[in-house]
């Protein structure tokens, strides 16, 4: 379960999605599984589904990601330890991570082709 921007809970379905990297490797991923895994690390109040993200942050993140390549969810770790746990999990699962901070510098570089998690 995820919390929407309005505080409501939203269920995600575990519909299998097979993602292949450019080098031919298969990524560990099902739609919603990323959000569920991150939620198990941070808790429900610190994970938001992409579709439910507040407009200002969603616009800033969308400007940094190639069109139609939206992430599964956005994580809001509160401590350096939580951030380290999320980054470690993303690395172990080969998820593409878009570090964001407060989102003010997301347009400074080239757009990423896709991201699994912000």
N, C-alpha and C. Protein backbone atom coordinates (compact mmCIF):
# COMPACT_ATOMS: atom_id res chain seq x y z
N UNK A 1 0.84 -1.18 0.00
CA UNK A 1 0.00 0.00 0.00
C UNK A 1 0.89 1.24 0.00
N UNK A 2 0.44 2.25 -0.69
CA UNK A 2 1.13 3.54 -0.74
C UNK A 2 0.19 4.62 -0.28
N UNK A 3 0.74 5.71 0.19
CA UNK A 3 -0.05 6.88 0.51
C UNK A 3 -0.04 7.83 -0.66
N UNK A 4 -1.21 8.34 -1.00
CA UNK A 4 -1.29 9.34 -2.05
C UNK A 4 -0.96 10.70 -1.45
N UNK A 5 -0.84 11.73 -2.27
CA UNK A 5 -0.52 13.06 -1.78
C UNK A 5 -1.56 13.55 -0.79
N UNK A 6 -2.81 13.11 -0.93
CA UNK A 6 -3.87 13.50 -0.02
C UNK A 6 -3.93 12.66 1.24
N UNK A 7 -3.02 11.71 1.41
CA UNK A 7 -2.98 10.89 2.61
C UNK A 7 -3.77 9.60 2.50
N UNK A 8 -4.47 9.39 1.40
CA UNK A 8 -5.23 8.16 1.21
C UNK A 8 -4.29 7.02 0.85
N UNK A 9 -4.70 5.82 1.16
CA UNK A 9 -3.88 4.65 0.81
C UNK A 9 -4.29 4.15 -0.57
N UNK A 10 -3.31 3.68 -1.34
CA UNK A 10 -3.57 3.21 -2.69
C UNK A 10 -2.83 1.89 -2.88
N UNK A 11 -3.54 0.87 -3.32
CA UNK A 11 -2.91 -0.43 -3.58
C UNK A 11 -2.30 -0.46 -4.97
N UNK A 12 -1.17 -1.12 -5.10
CA UNK A 12 -0.54 -1.32 -6.40
C UNK A 12 -0.61 -2.79 -6.73
N UNK A 13 -0.85 -3.10 -7.97
CA UNK A 13 -0.92 -4.49 -8.40
C UNK A 13 0.46 -4.95 -8.82
N UNK A 14 0.81 -6.17 -8.51
CA UNK A 14 2.10 -6.72 -8.87
C UNK A 14 2.09 -7.33 -10.27
N UNK A 15 1.78 -6.53 -11.26
CA UNK A 15 1.76 -7.00 -12.65
C UNK A 15 3.20 -7.14 -13.13
N UNK A 16 3.61 -8.32 -13.56
CA UNK A 16 5.00 -8.50 -13.96
C UNK A 16 5.39 -7.60 -15.12
N UNK A 17 6.56 -7.02 -15.02
CA UNK A 17 7.12 -6.22 -16.10
C UNK A 17 8.55 -6.66 -16.28
N UNK A 18 8.92 -7.01 -17.47
CA UNK A 18 10.27 -7.46 -17.76
C UNK A 18 11.03 -6.30 -18.38
N UNK A 19 12.07 -5.84 -17.73
CA UNK A 19 12.88 -4.76 -18.25
C UNK A 19 14.26 -5.28 -18.59
N UNK A 20 14.69 -5.00 -19.79
CA UNK A 20 15.99 -5.45 -20.25
C UNK A 20 16.92 -4.26 -20.39
N UNK A 21 18.11 -4.37 -19.80
CA UNK A 21 19.12 -3.32 -19.91
C UNK A 21 19.74 -3.36 -21.29
N UNK A 22 20.43 -2.28 -21.66
CA UNK A 22 21.06 -2.21 -22.97
C UNK A 22 22.06 -3.34 -23.19
N UNK A 23 22.69 -3.81 -22.11
CA UNK A 23 23.67 -4.90 -22.26
C UNK A 23 23.01 -6.28 -22.25
N UNK A 24 21.68 -6.32 -22.25
CA UNK A 24 20.96 -7.58 -22.34
C UNK A 24 20.55 -8.18 -21.00
N UNK A 25 21.00 -7.60 -19.88
CA UNK A 25 20.64 -8.13 -18.58
C UNK A 25 19.18 -7.82 -18.27
N UNK A 26 18.54 -8.72 -17.53
CA UNK A 26 17.17 -8.52 -17.10
C UNK A 26 17.18 -7.90 -15.70
N UNK A 27 16.38 -6.87 -15.49
CA UNK A 27 16.30 -6.19 -14.20
C UNK A 27 15.22 -6.84 -13.34
N UNK A 28 15.48 -6.94 -12.02
CA UNK A 28 14.50 -7.45 -11.07
C UNK A 28 13.43 -6.39 -10.87
N UNK A 29 12.24 -6.58 -11.41
CA UNK A 29 11.25 -5.52 -11.31
C UNK A 29 9.87 -6.03 -11.67
N UNK A 30 8.89 -5.70 -10.86
CA UNK A 30 7.49 -5.81 -11.25
C UNK A 30 6.86 -4.48 -10.90
N UNK A 31 5.83 -4.10 -11.63
CA UNK A 31 5.17 -2.85 -11.34
C UNK A 31 4.64 -2.88 -9.92
N UNK A 32 5.01 -1.93 -9.12
CA UNK A 32 4.58 -1.88 -7.73
C UNK A 32 5.55 -2.55 -6.78
N UNK A 33 6.37 -3.48 -7.26
CA UNK A 33 7.29 -4.16 -6.35
C UNK A 33 8.34 -3.20 -5.81
N UNK A 34 8.75 -2.23 -6.62
CA UNK A 34 9.73 -1.25 -6.15
C UNK A 34 9.12 -0.45 -5.00
N UNK A 35 7.90 0.04 -5.20
CA UNK A 35 7.24 0.81 -4.15
C UNK A 35 7.05 -0.02 -2.89
N UNK A 36 6.66 -1.27 -3.05
CA UNK A 36 6.45 -2.13 -1.89
C UNK A 36 7.75 -2.37 -1.13
N UNK A 37 8.84 -2.56 -1.86
CA UNK A 37 10.13 -2.79 -1.22
C UNK A 37 10.60 -1.56 -0.49
N UNK A 38 10.49 -0.40 -1.13
CA UNK A 38 10.92 0.85 -0.49
C UNK A 38 10.03 1.16 0.71
N UNK A 39 8.75 0.87 0.58
CA UNK A 39 7.83 1.07 1.70
C UNK A 39 8.23 0.20 2.89
N UNK A 40 8.73 -1.00 2.64
CA UNK A 40 9.15 -1.88 3.74
C UNK A 40 10.39 -1.31 4.46
N UNK A 41 11.15 -0.47 3.78
CA UNK A 41 12.32 0.16 4.39
C UNK A 41 11.93 1.44 5.13
N UNK A 42 11.10 2.27 4.49
CA UNK A 42 10.81 3.60 5.02
C UNK A 42 9.48 3.73 5.74
N UNK A 43 8.55 2.87 5.42
CA UNK A 43 7.20 3.01 5.96
C UNK A 43 6.29 3.68 4.94
N UNK A 44 4.99 3.55 5.15
CA UNK A 44 4.02 4.04 4.16
C UNK A 44 4.00 5.55 4.04
N UNK A 45 4.30 6.27 5.09
CA UNK A 45 4.20 7.73 5.05
C UNK A 45 5.34 8.37 4.28
N UNK A 46 6.39 7.62 3.94
CA UNK A 46 7.55 8.18 3.27
C UNK A 46 7.71 7.70 1.82
N UNK A 47 6.67 7.09 1.27
CA UNK A 47 6.69 6.62 -0.11
C UNK A 47 5.40 7.08 -0.78
N UNK A 48 5.54 7.68 -1.95
CA UNK A 48 4.38 8.17 -2.69
C UNK A 48 4.41 7.62 -4.11
N UNK A 49 3.28 7.16 -4.58
CA UNK A 49 3.17 6.68 -5.96
C UNK A 49 3.38 7.87 -6.90
N UNK A 50 4.00 7.62 -8.06
CA UNK A 50 4.25 8.69 -9.03
C UNK A 50 2.95 9.40 -9.39
N UNK A 51 1.89 8.65 -9.62
CA UNK A 51 0.62 9.22 -10.02
C UNK A 51 0.03 10.15 -8.95
N UNK A 52 0.39 9.94 -7.70
CA UNK A 52 -0.17 10.72 -6.60
C UNK A 52 0.76 11.82 -6.10
N UNK A 53 1.88 12.01 -6.75
CA UNK A 53 2.87 12.98 -6.32
C UNK A 53 2.35 14.40 -6.49
N UNK A 54 2.67 15.28 -5.55
CA UNK A 54 2.25 16.68 -5.61
C UNK A 54 2.80 17.32 -6.89
N UNK A 55 2.02 18.19 -7.49
CA UNK A 55 2.34 18.79 -8.79
C UNK A 55 3.72 19.45 -8.88
N UNK A 56 4.16 20.26 -7.92
CA UNK A 56 5.46 20.92 -8.10
C UNK A 56 6.64 19.95 -8.21
N UNK A 57 6.69 18.94 -7.34
CA UNK A 57 7.78 17.97 -7.41
C UNK A 57 7.64 17.07 -8.63
N UNK A 58 6.41 16.72 -8.96
CA UNK A 58 6.18 15.88 -10.13
C UNK A 58 6.65 16.59 -11.40
N UNK A 59 6.38 17.87 -11.51
CA UNK A 59 6.81 18.64 -12.68
C UNK A 59 8.33 18.72 -12.75
N UNK A 60 8.97 18.97 -11.61
CA UNK A 60 10.43 19.07 -11.57
C UNK A 60 11.08 17.74 -11.94
N UNK A 61 10.58 16.65 -11.39
CA UNK A 61 11.15 15.33 -11.69
C UNK A 61 10.87 14.94 -13.14
N UNK A 62 9.67 15.22 -13.63
CA UNK A 62 9.32 14.88 -15.00
C UNK A 62 10.21 15.62 -16.00
N UNK A 63 10.64 16.83 -15.65
CA UNK A 63 11.52 17.60 -16.53
C UNK A 63 12.90 16.97 -16.65
N UNK A 64 13.28 16.14 -15.68
CA UNK A 64 14.60 15.51 -15.68
C UNK A 64 14.58 14.11 -16.29
N UNK A 65 13.40 13.59 -16.57
CA UNK A 65 13.26 12.23 -17.09
C UNK A 65 12.68 12.29 -18.49
N UNK A 66 13.19 11.46 -19.38
CA UNK A 66 12.67 11.41 -20.75
C UNK A 66 11.17 11.16 -20.73
N UNK A 67 10.51 11.67 -21.73
CA UNK A 67 9.06 11.58 -21.82
C UNK A 67 8.57 10.14 -21.74
N UNK A 68 7.47 9.93 -21.05
CA UNK A 68 6.82 8.63 -20.90
C UNK A 68 7.69 7.58 -20.20
N UNK A 69 8.62 8.00 -19.36
CA UNK A 69 9.46 7.06 -18.62
C UNK A 69 9.35 7.36 -17.13
N UNK A 70 8.14 7.32 -16.61
CA UNK A 70 7.90 7.70 -15.22
C UNK A 70 8.31 6.60 -14.24
N UNK A 71 8.84 7.00 -13.09
CA UNK A 71 9.24 6.02 -12.07
C UNK A 71 8.02 5.41 -11.38
N UNK A 72 8.26 4.34 -10.67
CA UNK A 72 7.22 3.66 -9.91
C UNK A 72 6.75 4.51 -8.74
N UNK A 73 7.72 5.12 -8.03
CA UNK A 73 7.37 5.88 -6.84
C UNK A 73 8.47 6.87 -6.49
N UNK A 74 8.17 7.68 -5.49
CA UNK A 74 9.13 8.66 -4.97
C UNK A 74 9.30 8.37 -3.48
N UNK A 75 10.55 8.26 -3.05
CA UNK A 75 10.86 7.98 -1.64
C UNK A 75 11.28 9.27 -0.95
N UNK A 76 10.89 9.42 0.30
CA UNK A 76 11.23 10.58 1.10
C UNK A 76 11.93 10.14 2.40
N UNK A 77 13.19 9.68 2.29
CA UNK A 77 13.91 9.28 3.52
C UNK A 77 14.15 10.50 4.41
N UNK A 78 14.08 10.28 5.71
CA UNK A 78 14.25 11.39 6.67
C UNK A 78 15.64 11.45 7.28
N UNK A 79 16.37 10.36 7.22
CA UNK A 79 17.69 10.32 7.85
C UNK A 79 18.73 9.82 6.84
N UNK A 80 20.00 10.11 7.07
CA UNK A 80 21.04 9.57 6.20
C UNK A 80 21.04 8.04 6.16
N UNK A 81 20.69 7.41 7.28
CA UNK A 81 20.64 5.95 7.33
C UNK A 81 19.53 5.40 6.44
N UNK A 82 18.37 6.06 6.45
CA UNK A 82 17.28 5.63 5.58
C UNK A 82 17.66 5.82 4.11
N UNK A 83 18.28 6.93 3.80
CA UNK A 83 18.73 7.18 2.43
C UNK A 83 19.72 6.10 2.00
N UNK A 84 20.67 5.78 2.86
CA UNK A 84 21.66 4.74 2.54
C UNK A 84 20.98 3.39 2.30
N UNK A 85 19.98 3.07 3.10
CA UNK A 85 19.27 1.80 2.93
C UNK A 85 18.54 1.75 1.59
N UNK A 86 17.91 2.86 1.19
CA UNK A 86 17.19 2.90 -0.08
C UNK A 86 18.17 2.80 -1.25
N UNK A 87 19.27 3.54 -1.19
CA UNK A 87 20.26 3.51 -2.27
C UNK A 87 20.89 2.12 -2.38
N UNK A 88 21.18 1.50 -1.25
CA UNK A 88 21.75 0.15 -1.25
C UNK A 88 20.77 -0.84 -1.88
N UNK A 89 19.51 -0.75 -1.51
CA UNK A 89 18.48 -1.63 -2.07
C UNK A 89 18.36 -1.41 -3.58
N UNK A 90 18.37 -0.16 -4.02
CA UNK A 90 18.28 0.15 -5.44
C UNK A 90 19.47 -0.44 -6.20
N UNK A 91 20.65 -0.34 -5.62
CA UNK A 91 21.85 -0.87 -6.27
C UNK A 91 21.78 -2.39 -6.35
N UNK A 92 21.36 -3.04 -5.27
CA UNK A 92 21.28 -4.50 -5.25
C UNK A 92 20.26 -5.03 -6.26
N UNK A 93 19.21 -4.28 -6.50
CA UNK A 93 18.16 -4.70 -7.43
C UNK A 93 18.33 -4.13 -8.83
N UNK A 94 19.40 -3.35 -9.03
CA UNK A 94 19.72 -2.74 -10.33
C UNK A 94 18.63 -1.80 -10.80
N UNK A 95 18.02 -1.07 -9.84
CA UNK A 95 17.03 -0.07 -10.18
C UNK A 95 17.74 1.21 -10.57
N UNK A 96 17.17 1.92 -11.52
CA UNK A 96 17.71 3.22 -11.91
C UNK A 96 17.15 4.26 -10.94
N UNK A 97 18.05 4.99 -10.30
CA UNK A 97 17.69 5.93 -9.24
C UNK A 97 17.97 7.35 -9.69
N UNK A 98 17.01 8.24 -9.53
CA UNK A 98 17.20 9.66 -9.81
C UNK A 98 17.26 10.39 -8.48
N UNK A 99 18.48 10.75 -8.02
CA UNK A 99 18.58 11.51 -6.78
C UNK A 99 17.97 12.89 -6.99
N UNK A 100 17.26 13.38 -6.02
CA UNK A 100 16.46 14.57 -6.25
C UNK A 100 16.65 15.68 -5.24
N UNK A 101 16.95 15.37 -3.99
CA UNK A 101 17.00 16.42 -2.97
C UNK A 101 15.67 17.14 -2.91
N UNK A 102 15.71 18.46 -2.99
CA UNK A 102 14.46 19.23 -2.99
C UNK A 102 13.96 19.49 -4.41
N UNK A 103 14.67 18.98 -5.41
CA UNK A 103 14.22 19.07 -6.80
C UNK A 103 14.59 20.35 -7.52
N UNK A 104 15.38 21.20 -6.89
CA UNK A 104 15.66 22.51 -7.50
C UNK A 104 16.70 22.47 -8.61
N UNK A 105 17.51 21.43 -8.69
CA UNK A 105 18.58 21.38 -9.70
C UNK A 105 18.40 20.25 -10.70
N UNK A 106 17.22 19.70 -10.80
CA UNK A 106 16.99 18.54 -11.67
C UNK A 106 17.14 18.86 -13.16
N UNK A 107 17.02 20.10 -13.54
CA UNK A 107 17.12 20.45 -14.96
C UNK A 107 18.51 20.92 -15.35
N UNK A 108 19.49 20.84 -14.46
CA UNK A 108 20.83 21.33 -14.74
C UNK A 108 21.61 20.44 -15.68
N UNK A 109 21.33 19.17 -15.73
CA UNK A 109 22.08 18.26 -16.59
C UNK A 109 21.20 17.70 -17.68
N UNK A 110 21.73 16.70 -18.34
CA UNK A 110 20.94 16.03 -19.39
C UNK A 110 19.81 15.23 -18.75
N UNK A 111 18.76 15.03 -19.50
CA UNK A 111 17.63 14.23 -19.02
C UNK A 111 18.04 12.77 -18.97
N UNK A 112 17.59 12.07 -17.94
CA UNK A 112 17.84 10.63 -17.86
C UNK A 112 16.84 9.92 -18.75
N UNK A 113 17.24 8.79 -19.31
CA UNK A 113 16.33 8.08 -20.21
C UNK A 113 15.16 7.46 -19.46
N UNK A 114 15.41 7.04 -18.23
CA UNK A 114 14.34 6.50 -17.40
C UNK A 114 14.83 6.38 -15.97
N UNK A 115 13.88 6.26 -15.05
CA UNK A 115 14.21 6.07 -13.62
C UNK A 115 13.16 5.16 -13.03
N UNK A 116 13.59 4.25 -12.17
CA UNK A 116 12.66 3.38 -11.48
C UNK A 116 12.19 3.99 -10.18
N UNK A 117 13.02 4.85 -9.61
CA UNK A 117 12.78 5.41 -8.28
C UNK A 117 13.37 6.80 -8.19
N UNK A 118 12.62 7.74 -7.62
CA UNK A 118 13.13 9.09 -7.36
C UNK A 118 13.25 9.21 -5.86
